[in-house]
């Protein structure tokens, strides 16, 4: 599973334990510095899915693809479920409800920052 997104959306799901991510704190300092400079950030993270996780998710995904109504909402929920590694299926995305239980299970792969010249300040 590969995930990319704004640091505020992805970093809460990165495993910050020293053994899992020895450069987590340093990366966070870089992200803070990028933010102070007005740069837009993008974080790349991921984790390996077990076969059982994938098969369960894929069955739900295939069923959602066949829906004639509510397909987009259901697909969005499934994406959130697999990206955020929810402890409970069917819960609201953490992005919309910070009380949703989740695991910090993503491995941090890297970050990037860029100046967005197309967007007005």
Foldseek 3Di string as FASTA:
>chain_A
DKDKDFCVQQVVQADPPCVQAVCSVVQVVVSVVLVVVVWTKMWMKADDDDPVRVVVLVVQLVVLVPDPPPSVVSVVLSVQCVSQVFPDRPDDRCVVPVVGDGHSPIRTDDMDIDHDPPDDD
